[in-house]
Amino acid sequence: MSNPPNRPPQQQRPPQEQQRPKQQDQKSSRAKDQSKANQRTEEFRESATKTDVESGVVTEQAVVVEGAGGAKNLTTQWVDVWLPGGKPMYIIVNTLPGNDLAVSIEQRSWKKSYVGKGRVQTDVTPIAPIGTQGHLIAKDTTTGEELTVKFHWGSISGPSLFARLVKLVKRLFQSTPG
């Protein structure tokens, strides 16, 4: 069995060059891709904080008037609610389980009052312009303890993490590779 005249025998063929890129080339291309991704993320953060300013509630220090025998049973929990255009909240006020509780919340012309035993949850406050002030007054009518918290609407750093992720994904799909 003979080899064709134009081809050298199998053993004498020169080794073919590998088509695989060197490891250094792979690392540098990964670094370039990573730096592009970091640049896009940084641009997104800058645009999010510059253009998407929303408002949210900022609370001040609570003022407590002790009840009978120095009772300090009132506690508040401010729960954020993310809505388009702002971050209002509702408030949960707690005292001892058997004690009567009266809560009122007011901002501008909006005012609500609530009564209950042991625990009261308010409605979500309406979104208001930045700078609008309000206050929460909770009173344990059994002991006479009173808690007052003033708050105002201020700007927050930007939209929720989910909204930022949605914008980032949209932007990645809209951009063309360069």
C-alpha atoms as a PDB file:
ATOM      1  CA  MET A   1       0.000   0.000   0.000  1.00  0.00           C
ATOM      2  CA  SER A   2       1.559   3.145  -1.079  1.00  0.00           C
ATOM      3  CA  ASN A   3       0.852   6.773  -0.267  1.00  0.00           C
ATOM      4  CA  PRO A   4      -0.158   9.116  -3.029  1.00  0.00           C
ATOM      5  CA  PRO A   5       2.859  10.883  -4.520  1.00  0.00           C
ATOM      6  CA  ASN A   6       1.796  14.414  -3.470  1.00  0.00           C
ATOM      7  CA  ARG A   7       1.410  13.590   0.216  1.00  0.00           C
ATOM      8  CA  PRO A   8       4.216  12.663   2.570  1.00  0.00           C
ATOM      9  CA  PRO A   9       3.762   9.495   4.563  1.00  0.00           C
ATOM     10  CA  GLN A  10       1.619   9.691   7.705  1.00  0.00           C
ATOM     11  CA  GLN A  11       4.598   9.813  10.016  1.00  0.00           C
ATOM     12  CA  GLN A  12       6.323  12.625   8.167  1.00  0.00           C
ATOM     13  CA  ARG A  13       3.424  15.094   8.132  1.00  0.00           C
ATOM     14  CA  PRO A  14       4.137  18.301  10.041  1.00  0.00           C
ATOM     15  CA  PRO A  15       1.997  18.693  13.200  1.00  0.00           C
ATOM     16  CA  GLN A  16      -0.915  21.035  12.668  1.00  0.00           C
ATOM     17  CA  GLU A  17      -0.955  24.208  14.724  1.00  0.00           C
ATOM     18  CA  GLN A  18      -3.483  24.302  17.463  1.00  0.00           C
ATOM     19  CA  GLN A  19      -6.462  26.535  16.808  1.00  0.00           C
ATOM     20  CA  ARG A  20      -7.019  27.077  20.508  1.00  0.00           C
ATOM     21  CA  PRO A  21      -6.112  30.575  21.825  1.00  0.00           C
ATOM     22  CA  LYS A  22      -3.533  30.831  24.531  1.00  0.00           C
ATOM     23  CA  GLN A  23      -4.639  31.169  28.148  1.00  0.00           C
ATOM     24  CA  GLN A  24      -3.374  34.739  28.361  1.00  0.00           C
ATOM     25  CA  ASP A  25      -5.578  35.716  25.418  1.00  0.00           C
ATOM     26  CA  GLN A  26      -8.610  34.131  27.106  1.00  0.00           C
ATOM     27  CA  LYS A  27      -7.933  35.986  30.348  1.00  0.00           C
ATOM     28  CA  SER A  28      -7.539  39.331  28.613  1.00  0.00           C
ATOM     29  CA  SER A  29     -10.795  38.885  26.670  1.00  0.00           C
ATOM     30  CA  ARG A  30     -12.612  38.009  29.917  1.00  0.00           C
ATOM     31  CA  ALA A  31     -11.165  41.092  31.579  1.00  0.00           C
ATOM     32  CA  LYS A  32     -12.375  43.248  28.669  1.00  0.00           C
ATOM     33  CA  ASP A  33     -15.887  41.752  28.915  1.00  0.00           C
ATOM     34  CA  GLN A  34     -15.900  42.265  32.694  1.00  0.00           C
ATOM     35  CA  SER A  35     -14.784  45.885  32.415  1.00  0.00           C
ATOM     36  CA  LYS A  36     -17.542  46.572  29.846  1.00  0.00           C
ATOM     37  CA  ALA A  37     -20.123  45.057  32.185  1.00  0.00           C
ATOM     38  CA  ASN A  38     -18.800  47.098  35.125  1.00  0.00           C
ATOM     39  CA  GLN A  39     -18.935  50.265  33.023  1.00  0.00           C
ATOM     40  CA  ARG A  40     -22.560  49.599  32.038  1.00  0.00           C
ATOM     41  CA  THR A  41     -23.497  48.932  35.659  1.00  0.00           C
ATOM     42  CA  GLU A  42     -21.845  52.150  36.825  1.00  0.00           C
ATOM     43  CA  GLU A  43     -23.585  54.169  34.088  1.00  0.00           C
ATOM     44  CA  PHE A  44     -26.892  52.614  35.134  1.00  0.00           C
ATOM     45  CA  ARG A  45     -26.340  53.539  38.793  1.00  0.00           C
ATOM     46  CA  GLU A  46     -25.510  57.127  37.877  1.00  0.00           C
ATOM     47  CA  SER A  47     -28.574  57.506  35.649  1.00  0.00           C
ATOM     48  CA  ALA A  48     -30.837  55.895  38.251  1.00  0.00           C
ATOM     49  CA  THR A  49     -29.821  58.274  41.001  1.00  0.00           C
ATOM     50  CA  LYS A  50     -29.951  61.367  38.803  1.00  0.00           C
ATOM     51  CA  THR A  51     -33.303  60.854  37.087  1.00  0.00           C
ATOM     52  CA  ASP A  52     -35.395  58.595  39.311  1.00  0.00           C
ATOM     53  CA  VAL A  53     -35.750  60.618  42.502  1.00  0.00           C
ATOM     54  CA  GLU A  54     -38.732  59.417  44.494  1.00  0.00           C
ATOM     55  CA  SER A  55     -40.114  60.472  47.816  1.00  0.00           C
ATOM     56  CA  GLY A  56     -40.348  58.529  51.035  1.00  0.00           C
ATOM     57  CA  VAL A  57     -41.124  59.132  54.695  1.00  0.00           C
ATOM     58  CA  VAL A  58     -38.335  60.196  57.046  1.00  0.00           C
ATOM     59  CA  THR A  59     -39.113  59.898  60.763  1.00  0.00           C
ATOM     60  CA  GLU A  60     -37.763  61.990  63.607  1.00  0.00           C
ATOM     61  CA  GLN A  61     -37.031  60.965  67.206  1.00  0.00           C
ATOM     62  CA  ALA A  62     -40.123  59.782  69.108  1.00  0.00           C
ATOM     63  CA  VAL A  63     -41.317  61.767  72.125  1.00  0.00           C
ATOM     64  CA  VAL A  64     -42.653  59.535  74.901  1.00  0.00           C
ATOM     65  CA  VAL A  65     -44.750  60.640  77.846  1.00  0.00           C
ATOM     66  CA  GLU A  66     -44.630  57.879  80.447  1.00  0.00           C
ATOM     67  CA  GLY A  67     -47.851  56.415  81.732  1.00  0.00           C
ATOM     68  CA  ALA A  68     -48.958  55.446  85.228  1.00  0.00           C
ATOM     69  CA  GLY A  69     -46.084  53.997  87.242  1.00  0.00           C
ATOM     70  CA  GLY A  70     -43.524  54.875  84.522  1.00  0.00           C
ATOM     71  CA  ALA A  71     -45.138  52.607  81.919  1.00  0.00           C
ATOM     72  CA  LYS A  72     -43.360  52.526  78.555  1.00  0.00           C
ATOM     73  CA  ASN A  73     -45.237  49.891  76.602  1.00  0.00           C
ATOM     74  CA  LEU A  74     -45.884  51.632  73.271  1.00  0.00           C
ATOM     75  CA  THR A  75     -43.852  50.511  70.258  1.00  0.00           C
ATOM     76  CA  THR A  76     -44.132  51.387  66.578  1.00  0.00           C
ATOM     77  CA  GLN A  77     -43.159  49.549  63.434  1.00  0.00           C
ATOM     78  CA  TRP A  78     -43.009  51.575  60.195  1.00  0.00           C
ATOM     79  CA  VAL A  79     -43.581  49.326  57.181  1.00  0.00           C
ATOM     80  CA  ASP A  80     -42.553  50.674  53.758  1.00  0.00           C
ATOM     81  CA  VAL A  81     -44.827  50.173  50.762  1.00  0.00           C
ATOM     82  CA  TRP A  82     -43.147  50.643  47.355  1.00  0.00           C
ATOM     83  CA  LEU A  83     -45.448  52.359  44.877  1.00  0.00           C
ATOM     84  CA  PRO A  84     -44.722  54.164  41.610  1.00  0.00           C
ATOM     85  CA  GLY A  85     -43.667  57.717  42.442  1.00  0.00           C
ATOM     86  CA  GLY A  86     -43.027  57.212  46.132  1.00  0.00           C
ATOM     87  CA  LYS A  87     -42.562  55.018  49.156  1.00  0.00           C
ATOM     88  CA  PRO A  88     -45.405  55.547  51.622  1.00  0.00           C
ATOM     89  CA  MET A  89     -45.822  53.385  54.703  1.00  0.00           C
ATOM     90  CA  TYR A  90     -48.273  52.012  57.165  1.00  0.00           C
ATOM     91  CA  ILE A  91     -47.633  51.878  60.886  1.00  0.00           C
ATOM     92  CA  ILE A  92     -48.197  49.129  63.417  1.00  0.00           C
ATOM     93  CA  VAL A  93     -48.541  50.368  67.007  1.00  0.00           C
ATOM     94  CA  ASN A  94     -48.349  47.878  69.875  1.00  0.00           C
ATOM     95  CA  THR A  95     -48.929  48.026  73.625  1.00  0.00           C
ATOM     96  CA  LEU A  96     -49.763  45.370  76.234  1.00  0.00           C
ATOM     97  CA  PRO A  97     -52.379  42.922  74.899  1.00  0.00           C
ATOM     98  CA  GLY A  98     -55.225  43.978  77.234  1.00  0.00           C
ATOM     99  CA  ASN A  99     -54.662  47.756  77.075  1.00  0.00           C
ATOM    100  CA  ASP A 100     -56.858  50.135  75.092  1.00  0.00           C
ATOM    101  CA  LEU A 101     -55.050  52.007  72.340  1.00  0.00           C
ATOM    102  CA  ALA A 102     -55.943  55.181  70.428  1.00  0.00           C
ATOM    103  CA  VAL A 103     -53.863  56.180  67.393  1.00  0.00           C
ATOM    104  CA  SER A 104     -54.153  59.192  65.099  1.00  0.00           C
ATOM    105  CA  ILE A 105     -52.035  60.057  62.081  1.00  0.00           C
ATOM    106  CA  GLU A 106     -52.134  63.345  60.221  1.00  0.00           C
ATOM    107  CA  GLN A 107     -50.413  65.001  57.262  1.00  0.00           C
ATOM    108  CA  ARG A 108     -51.774  68.206  55.737  1.00  0.00           C
ATOM    109  CA  SER A 109     -55.530  67.783  55.308  1.00  0.00           C
ATOM    110  CA  TRP A 110     -55.449  63.979  55.619  1.00  0.00           C
ATOM    111  CA  LYS A 111     -56.226  62.680  59.108  1.00  0.00           C
ATOM    112  CA  LYS A 112     -57.189  59.224  60.372  1.00  0.00           C
ATOM    113  CA  SER A 113     -57.962  57.933  63.861  1.00  0.00           C
ATOM    114  CA  TYR A 114     -57.931  54.320  65.036  1.00  0.00           C
ATOM    115  CA  VAL A 115     -58.844  52.544  68.286  1.00  0.00           C
ATOM    116  CA  GLY A 116     -58.166  49.010  69.410  1.00  0.00           C
ATOM    117  CA  LYS A 117     -56.885  46.725  72.146  1.00  0.00           C
ATOM    118  CA  GLY A 118     -53.175  45.861  72.237  1.00  0.00           C
ATOM    119  CA  ARG A 119     -52.397  46.509  68.547  1.00  0.00           C
ATOM    120  CA  VAL A 120     -53.469  48.957  65.825  1.00  0.00           C
ATOM    121  CA  GLN A 121     -52.419  49.005  62.175  1.00  0.00           C
ATOM    122  CA  THR A 122     -52.941  52.202  60.171  1.00  0.00           C
ATOM    123  CA  ASP A 123     -53.839  52.517  56.526  1.00  0.00           C
ATOM    124  CA  VAL A 124     -51.113  53.349  54.002  1.00  0.00           C
ATOM    125  CA  THR A 125     -50.397  57.062  54.118  1.00  0.00           C
ATOM    126  CA  PRO A 126     -51.067  58.939  50.882  1.00  0.00           C
ATOM    127  CA  ILE A 127     -47.987  59.956  48.883  1.00  0.00           C
ATOM    128  CA  ALA A 128     -47.235  63.635  49.431  1.00  0.00           C
ATOM    129  CA  PRO A 129     -44.795  66.162  47.938  1.00  0.00           C
ATOM    130  CA  ILE A 130     -41.274  66.293  49.348  1.00  0.00           C
ATOM    131  CA  GLY A 131     -41.227  68.500  52.439  1.00  0.00           C
ATOM    132  CA  THR A 132     -44.769  67.658  53.599  1.00  0.00           C
ATOM    133  CA  GLN A 133     -44.853  67.157  57.371  1.00  0.00           C
ATOM    134  CA  GLY A 134     -47.027  64.935  59.489  1.00  0.00           C
ATOM    135  CA  HIS A 135     -47.243  63.304  62.873  1.00  0.00           C
ATOM    136  CA  LEU A 136     -48.388  60.113  64.570  1.00  0.00           C
ATOM    137  CA  ILE A 137     -49.865  60.192  68.073  1.00  0.00           C
ATOM    138  CA  ALA A 138     -50.438  56.917  69.913  1.00  0.00           C
ATOM    139  CA  LYS A 139     -51.994  56.788  73.356  1.00  0.00           C
ATOM    140  CA  ASP A 140     -52.360  53.834  75.677  1.00  0.00           C
ATOM    141  CA  THR A 141     -55.607  54.944  77.364  1.00  0.00           C
ATOM    142  CA  THR A 142     -55.276  52.308  80.086  1.00  0.00           C
ATOM    143  CA  THR A 143     -51.950  53.625  81.466  1.00  0.00           C
ATOM    144  CA  GLY A 144     -51.978  57.175  80.044  1.00  0.00           C
ATOM    145  CA  GLU A 145     -48.719  56.664  78.122  1.00  0.00           C
ATOM    146  CA  GLU A 146     -48.406  58.770  74.955  1.00  0.00           C
ATOM    147  CA  LEU A 147     -46.021  58.472  72.006  1.00  0.00           C
ATOM    148  CA  THR A 148     -45.610  61.210  69.375  1.00  0.00           C
ATOM    149  CA  VAL A 149     -43.524  60.759  66.224  1.00  0.00           C
ATOM    150  CA  LYS A 150     -43.094  63.560  63.696  1.00  0.00           C
ATOM    151  CA  PHE A 151     -42.230  62.700  60.108  1.00  0.00           C
ATOM    152  CA  HIS A 152     -41.737  64.420  56.783  1.00  0.00           C
ATOM    153  CA  TRP A 153     -41.550  63.393  53.157  1.00  0.00           C
ATOM    154  CA  GLY A 154     -38.024  63.456  51.745  1.00  0.00           C
ATOM    155  CA  SER A 155     -36.287  62.144  48.662  1.00  0.00           C
ATOM    156  CA  ILE A 156     -34.996  58.617  48.597  1.00  0.00           C
ATOM    157  CA  SER A 157     -32.004  57.441  46.625  1.00  0.00           C
ATOM    158  CA  GLY A 158     -33.926  55.837  43.797  1.00  0.00           C
ATOM    159  CA  PRO A 159     -36.307  53.086  42.785  1.00  0.00           C
ATOM    160  CA  SER A 160     -36.393  49.634  44.296  1.00  0.00           C
ATOM    161  CA  LEU A 161     -33.780  47.031  43.492  1.00  0.00           C
ATOM    162  CA  PHE A 162     -36.296  45.181  41.323  1.00  0.00           C
ATOM    163  CA  ALA A 163     -37.014  48.293  39.242  1.00  0.00           C
ATOM    164  CA  ARG A 164     -33.276  48.892  38.809  1.00  0.00           C
ATOM    165  CA  LEU A 165     -32.754  45.302  37.658  1.00  0.00           C
ATOM    166  CA  VAL A 166     -35.592  45.579  35.137  1.00  0.00           C
ATOM    167  CA  LYS A 167     -34.067  48.767  33.706  1.00  0.00           C
ATOM    168  CA  LEU A 168     -30.625  47.160  33.538  1.00  0.00           C
ATOM    169  CA  VAL A 169     -31.940  44.111  31.677  1.00  0.00           C
ATOM    170  CA  LYS A 170     -33.855  46.308  29.219  1.00  0.00           C
ATOM    171  CA  ARG A 171     -30.759  48.399  28.630  1.00  0.00           C
ATOM    172  CA  LEU A 172     -28.577  45.343  28.038  1.00  0.00           C
ATOM    173  CA  PHE A 173     -30.971  44.008  25.409  1.00  0.00           C
ATOM    174  CA  GLN A 174     -31.324  47.393  23.713  1.00  0.00           C
ATOM    175  CA  SER A 175     -27.587  48.076  23.448  1.00  0.00           C
ATOM    176  CA  THR A 176     -25.805  46.764  20.396  1.00  0.00           C
ATOM    177  CA  PRO A 177     -22.453  45.017  20.730  1.00  0.00           C
ATOM    178  CA  GLY A 178     -19.593  47.223  19.559  1.00  0.00           C
END
